């Protein structure tokens, strides 16, 4: 099940294509052997990945199955990828805000605190105390470093450890 979770996360954050995911899904002996006995696997395999709604259906299924900390990893990875590939300032701030929706002050995640620090400085741009280009560069740098570290992890547990330790150099 851990492999399936990781593959689902990879396709949802665009680390692999939907075609690569489908090929893996339909050819995995482990998945095929559990279709009749595992409702979650059955639901995953019966999604029409050619439809426009496949991502929404897979996300809803994923959010109903996995725990909150796993989903936060998915959200951070997905939004870091969006930040890296966006040149639109408003889109970058929107992705940063999506990460911050899951921030908790009691959090011991250094990475979440790093994102919070940048998100919290946004008002300083409006007041012209923080140069927009510097802010933009800092957010992109944190997103790139975070994404680079977590995308190569072998499992969700490793990703959580990276996010907690904040090994991004910022």
C-alpha atoms as a PDB file:
ATOM      1  CA  UNK A   1       0.000   0.000   0.000  1.00  0.00           C
ATOM      2  CA  UNK A   2       2.946   2.331   0.646  1.00  0.00           C
ATOM      3  CA  UNK A   3       4.076   1.956  -2.958  1.00  0.00           C
ATOM      4  CA  UNK A   4       0.603   2.811  -4.212  1.00  0.00           C
ATOM      5  CA  UNK A   5       0.455   5.860  -1.948  1.00  0.00           C
ATOM      6  CA  UNK A   6       3.823   7.054  -3.232  1.00  0.00           C
ATOM      7  CA  UNK A   7       2.794   6.555  -6.873  1.00  0.00           C
ATOM      8  CA  UNK A   8      -0.460   8.428  -6.297  1.00  0.00           C
ATOM      9  CA  UNK A   9       1.449  11.304  -4.733  1.00  0.00           C
ATOM     10  CA  UNK A  10       3.934  11.298  -7.619  1.00  0.00           C
ATOM     11  CA  UNK A  11       1.201  11.634 -10.240  1.00  0.00           C
ATOM     12  CA  UNK A  12      -0.690  14.266  -8.243  1.00  0.00           C
ATOM     13  CA  UNK A  13       2.411  16.470  -7.939  1.00  0.00           C
ATOM     14  CA  UNK A  14       3.349  15.857 -11.569  1.00  0.00           C
ATOM     15  CA  UNK A  15       6.554  13.933 -10.846  1.00  0.00           C
ATOM     16  CA  UNK A  16       5.292  11.249 -13.210  1.00  0.00           C
ATOM     17  CA  UNK A  17       2.817  11.482 -16.066  1.00  0.00           C
ATOM     18  CA  UNK A  18      -0.647  10.029 -15.927  1.00  0.00           C
ATOM     19  CA  UNK A  19       0.461   7.563 -18.596  1.00  0.00           C
ATOM     20  CA  UNK A  20       3.366   6.378 -16.438  1.00  0.00           C
ATOM     21  CA  UNK A  21       1.026   6.040 -13.473  1.00  0.00           C
ATOM     22  CA  UNK A  22      -1.523   4.041 -15.466  1.00  0.00           C
ATOM     23  CA  UNK A  23       1.146   1.748 -16.870  1.00  0.00           C
ATOM     24  CA  UNK A  24       2.472   1.063 -13.397  1.00  0.00           C
ATOM     25  CA  UNK A  25      -1.031   0.682 -11.909  1.00  0.00           C
ATOM     26  CA  UNK A  26      -2.338  -1.767 -14.494  1.00  0.00           C
ATOM     27  CA  UNK A  27       0.866  -3.817 -14.555  1.00  0.00           C
ATOM     28  CA  UNK A  28       1.542  -4.060 -10.843  1.00  0.00           C
ATOM     29  CA  UNK A  29       1.039  -7.637  -9.714  1.00  0.00           C
ATOM     30  CA  UNK A  30       0.550  -6.438  -6.135  1.00  0.00           C
ATOM     31  CA  UNK A  31      -2.255  -4.064  -7.173  1.00  0.00           C
ATOM     32  CA  UNK A  32      -3.952  -6.550  -9.502  1.00  0.00           C
ATOM     33  CA  UNK A  33      -3.920  -9.245  -6.818  1.00  0.00           C
ATOM     34  CA  UNK A  34      -5.737  -6.979  -4.338  1.00  0.00           C
ATOM     35  CA  UNK A  35      -8.469  -5.492  -6.547  1.00  0.00           C
ATOM     36  CA  UNK A  36     -11.169  -7.807  -5.183  1.00  0.00           C
ATOM     37  CA  UNK A  37     -10.185  -7.563  -1.540  1.00  0.00           C
ATOM     38  CA  UNK A  38      -9.272  -3.890  -1.151  1.00  0.00           C
ATOM     39  CA  UNK A  39     -11.977  -1.261  -1.807  1.00  0.00           C
ATOM     40  CA  UNK A  40      -9.465   1.570  -2.026  1.00  0.00           C
ATOM     41  CA  UNK A  41      -7.419  -0.193  -4.707  1.00  0.00           C
ATOM     42  CA  UNK A  42     -10.612  -1.045  -6.571  1.00  0.00           C
ATOM     43  CA  UNK A  43     -11.654   2.623  -6.550  1.00  0.00           C
ATOM     44  CA  UNK A  44      -8.197   3.779  -7.682  1.00  0.00           C
ATOM     45  CA  UNK A  45      -8.066   1.334 -10.544  1.00  0.00           C
ATOM     46  CA  UNK A  46     -11.601   2.111 -11.746  1.00  0.00           C
ATOM     47  CA  UNK A  47     -11.041   5.852 -12.154  1.00  0.00           C
ATOM     48  CA  UNK A  48     -11.154   6.832 -15.813  1.00  0.00           C
ATOM     49  CA  UNK A  49      -7.739   8.445 -16.212  1.00  0.00           C
ATOM     50  CA  UNK A  50      -8.654   9.659 -19.692  1.00  0.00           C
ATOM     51  CA  UNK A  51     -11.408  11.904 -18.317  1.00  0.00           C
ATOM     52  CA  UNK A  52     -10.883  15.528 -17.341  1.00  0.00           C
ATOM     53  CA  UNK A  53     -11.982  14.771 -13.786  1.00  0.00           C
ATOM     54  CA  UNK A  54      -9.448  12.053 -12.993  1.00  0.00           C
ATOM     55  CA  UNK A  55      -7.273  14.350 -10.846  1.00  0.00           C
ATOM     56  CA  UNK A  56     -10.205  15.562  -8.739  1.00  0.00           C
ATOM     57  CA  UNK A  57     -11.451  12.008  -8.260  1.00  0.00           C
ATOM     58  CA  UNK A  58      -8.009  10.732  -7.281  1.00  0.00           C
ATOM     59  CA  UNK A  59      -7.431  13.653  -4.903  1.00  0.00           C
ATOM     60  CA  UNK A  60     -10.806  13.122  -3.202  1.00  0.00           C
ATOM     61  CA  UNK A  61     -10.086   9.437  -2.822  1.00  0.00           C
ATOM     62  CA  UNK A  62      -6.609  10.147  -1.497  1.00  0.00           C
ATOM     63  CA  UNK A  63      -7.815  12.758   1.001  1.00  0.00           C
ATOM     64  CA  UNK A  64     -10.390  10.309   2.339  1.00  0.00           C
ATOM     65  CA  UNK A  65      -7.842   7.514   2.809  1.00  0.00           C
ATOM     66  CA  UNK A  66      -4.510   8.877   4.035  1.00  0.00           C
ATOM     67  CA  UNK A  67      -3.673  10.710   7.223  1.00  0.00           C
ATOM     68  CA  UNK A  68      -3.268  14.466   7.539  1.00  0.00           C
ATOM     69  CA  UNK A  69       0.537  14.453   7.761  1.00  0.00           C
ATOM     70  CA  UNK A  70       0.792  12.430   4.548  1.00  0.00           C
ATOM     71  CA  UNK A  71      -1.500  14.884   2.810  1.00  0.00           C
ATOM     72  CA  UNK A  72       0.530  17.854   4.017  1.00  0.00           C
ATOM     73  CA  UNK A  73       3.573  16.289   2.370  1.00  0.00           C
ATOM     74  CA  UNK A  74       1.574  15.961  -0.851  1.00  0.00           C
ATOM     75  CA  UNK A  75       0.373  19.561  -0.675  1.00  0.00           C
ATOM     76  CA  UNK A  76       3.840  20.957   0.035  1.00  0.00           C
ATOM     77  CA  UNK A  77       5.381  18.958  -2.790  1.00  0.00           C
ATOM     78  CA  UNK A  78       2.638  19.949  -5.230  1.00  0.00           C
ATOM     79  CA  UNK A  79       2.689  23.646  -4.319  1.00  0.00           C
ATOM     80  CA  UNK A  80       6.509  23.818  -4.348  1.00  0.00           C
ATOM     81  CA  UNK A  81       6.392  22.396  -7.866  1.00  0.00           C
ATOM     82  CA  UNK A  82       3.798  25.039  -8.815  1.00  0.00           C
ATOM     83  CA  UNK A  83       5.952  27.822  -7.349  1.00  0.00           C
ATOM     84  CA  UNK A  84       9.041  26.609  -9.199  1.00  0.00           C
ATOM     85  CA  UNK A  85       7.239  26.571 -12.537  1.00  0.00           C
ATOM     86  CA  UNK A  86       5.250  29.770 -12.146  1.00  0.00           C
ATOM     87  CA  UNK A  87       6.365  33.214 -13.241  1.00  0.00           C
ATOM     88  CA  UNK A  88       3.160  34.846 -12.050  1.00  0.00           C
ATOM     89  CA  UNK A  89       3.571  36.550  -8.683  1.00  0.00           C
ATOM     90  CA  UNK A  90      -0.091  36.064  -7.692  1.00  0.00           C
ATOM     91  CA  UNK A  91       0.070  32.347  -8.505  1.00  0.00           C
ATOM     92  CA  UNK A  92       3.194  31.984  -6.385  1.00  0.00           C
ATOM     93  CA  UNK A  93       1.506  33.695  -3.462  1.00  0.00           C
ATOM     94  CA  UNK A  94      -1.588  31.506  -3.968  1.00  0.00           C
ATOM     95  CA  UNK A  95       0.563  28.351  -3.753  1.00  0.00           C
ATOM     96  CA  UNK A  96       2.338  29.690  -0.680  1.00  0.00           C
ATOM     97  CA  UNK A  97      -1.062  30.381   0.899  1.00  0.00           C
ATOM     98  CA  UNK A  98      -2.208  26.809   0.178  1.00  0.00           C
ATOM     99  CA  UNK A  99       0.821  25.549   2.103  1.00  0.00           C
ATOM    100  CA  UNK A 100       0.047  27.949   4.942  1.00  0.00           C
ATOM    101  CA  UNK A 101      -3.509  26.658   5.255  1.00  0.00           C
ATOM    102  CA  UNK A 102      -1.899  23.660   6.971  1.00  0.00           C
ATOM    103  CA  UNK A 103       0.518  25.558   9.192  1.00  0.00           C
ATOM    104  CA  UNK A 104       0.105  25.125  12.941  1.00  0.00           C
ATOM    105  CA  UNK A 105       1.925  27.246  15.500  1.00  0.00           C
ATOM    106  CA  UNK A 106       2.680  24.128  17.523  1.00  0.00           C
ATOM    107  CA  UNK A 107       4.385  22.640  14.474  1.00  0.00           C
ATOM    108  CA  UNK A 108       7.895  21.348  14.897  1.00  0.00           C
ATOM    109  CA  UNK A 109       8.431  21.340  11.130  1.00  0.00           C
ATOM    110  CA  UNK A 110      11.313  23.659  10.297  1.00  0.00           C
ATOM    111  CA  UNK A 111      10.206  23.764   6.665  1.00  0.00           C
ATOM    112  CA  UNK A 112       6.699  24.907   7.588  1.00  0.00           C
ATOM    113  CA  UNK A 113       8.202  27.629   9.761  1.00  0.00           C
ATOM    114  CA  UNK A 114      10.419  28.705   6.839  1.00  0.00           C
ATOM    115  CA  UNK A 115       7.365  28.974   4.593  1.00  0.00           C
ATOM    116  CA  UNK A 116       5.471  30.790   7.336  1.00  0.00           C
ATOM    117  CA  UNK A 117       8.279  33.304   7.695  1.00  0.00           C
ATOM    118  CA  UNK A 118       8.080  34.165   3.998  1.00  0.00           C
ATOM    119  CA  UNK A 119       4.291  34.158   3.926  1.00  0.00           C
ATOM    120  CA  UNK A 120       4.201  36.442   6.970  1.00  0.00           C
ATOM    121  CA  UNK A 121       6.439  38.970   5.195  1.00  0.00           C
ATOM    122  CA  UNK A 122       4.022  39.426   2.317  1.00  0.00           C
ATOM    123  CA  UNK A 123       2.433  42.506   3.912  1.00  0.00           C
ATOM    124  CA  UNK A 124       5.859  44.155   3.995  1.00  0.00           C
ATOM    125  CA  UNK A 125       5.817  44.154   0.195  1.00  0.00           C
ATOM    126  CA  UNK A 126       2.561  46.064   0.168  1.00  0.00           C
ATOM    127  CA  UNK A 127       4.134  48.592   2.529  1.00  0.00           C
ATOM    128  CA  UNK A 128       7.223  48.643   0.297  1.00  0.00           C
ATOM    129  CA  UNK A 129       9.544  47.544   3.121  1.00  0.00           C
ATOM    130  CA  UNK A 130      10.498  44.360   1.319  1.00  0.00           C
ATOM    131  CA  UNK A 131      11.471  44.418  -2.365  1.00  0.00           C
ATOM    132  CA  UNK A 132       9.080  42.313  -4.424  1.00  0.00           C
ATOM    133  CA  UNK A 133      11.905  40.744  -6.465  1.00  0.00           C
ATOM    134  CA  UNK A 134      13.781  39.695  -3.334  1.00  0.00           C
ATOM    135  CA  UNK A 135      10.640  38.163  -1.859  1.00  0.00           C
ATOM    136  CA  UNK A 136       9.862  36.381  -5.116  1.00  0.00           C
ATOM    137  CA  UNK A 137      13.420  35.028  -5.245  1.00  0.00           C
ATOM    138  CA  UNK A 138      13.338  33.855  -1.608  1.00  0.00           C
ATOM    139  CA  UNK A 139      10.049  31.993  -2.055  1.00  0.00           C
ATOM    140  CA  UNK A 140      11.274  30.344  -5.261  1.00  0.00           C
ATOM    141  CA  UNK A 141      14.549  29.337  -3.609  1.00  0.00           C
ATOM    142  CA  UNK A 142      12.813  27.725  -0.625  1.00  0.00           C
ATOM    143  CA  UNK A 143      10.333  25.951  -2.901  1.00  0.00           C
ATOM    144  CA  UNK A 144      13.091  24.671  -5.193  1.00  0.00           C
ATOM    145  CA  UNK A 145      15.288  23.420  -2.357  1.00  0.00           C
ATOM    146  CA  UNK A 146      12.365  21.788  -0.546  1.00  0.00           C
ATOM    147  CA  UNK A 147      11.042  20.150  -3.719  1.00  0.00           C
ATOM    148  CA  UNK A 148      14.496  18.931  -4.748  1.00  0.00           C
ATOM    149  CA  UNK A 149      15.000  17.202  -1.432  1.00  0.00           C
ATOM    150  CA  UNK A 150      11.600  15.560  -1.051  1.00  0.00           C
ATOM    151  CA  UNK A 151      11.017  14.448  -4.626  1.00  0.00           C
ATOM    152  CA  UNK A 152      13.909  11.989  -4.413  1.00  0.00           C
ATOM    153  CA  UNK A 153      12.795  10.327  -1.179  1.00  0.00           C
ATOM    154  CA  UNK A 154      11.920   6.658  -1.286  1.00  0.00           C
ATOM    155  CA  UNK A 155       8.820   6.957   0.916  1.00  0.00           C
ATOM    156  CA  UNK A 156       6.490   9.365   2.720  1.00  0.00           C
ATOM    157  CA  UNK A 157       8.284   8.842   6.025  1.00  0.00           C
ATOM    158  CA  UNK A 158      11.543  10.157   4.549  1.00  0.00           C
ATOM    159  CA  UNK A 159       9.701  13.168   3.126  1.00  0.00           C
ATOM    160  CA  UNK A 160       8.206  13.929   6.545  1.00  0.00           C
ATOM    161  CA  UNK A 161      11.668  13.733   8.122  1.00  0.00           C
ATOM    162  CA  UNK A 162      13.079  16.175   5.549  1.00  0.00           C
ATOM    163  CA  UNK A 163      10.205  18.612   6.096  1.00  0.00           C
ATOM    164  CA  UNK A 164      10.568  18.406   9.852  1.00  0.00           C
ATOM    165  CA  UNK A 165      14.320  18.997   9.838  1.00  0.00           C
ATOM    166  CA  UNK A 166      14.184  21.784   7.258  1.00  0.00           C
ATOM    167  CA  UNK A 167      17.369  20.684   5.524  1.00  0.00           C
ATOM    168  CA  UNK A 168      16.985  23.292   2.813  1.00  0.00           C
ATOM    169  CA  UNK A 169      19.843  25.571   3.725  1.00  0.00           C
ATOM    170  CA  UNK A 170      17.639  28.620   4.160  1.00  0.00           C
END
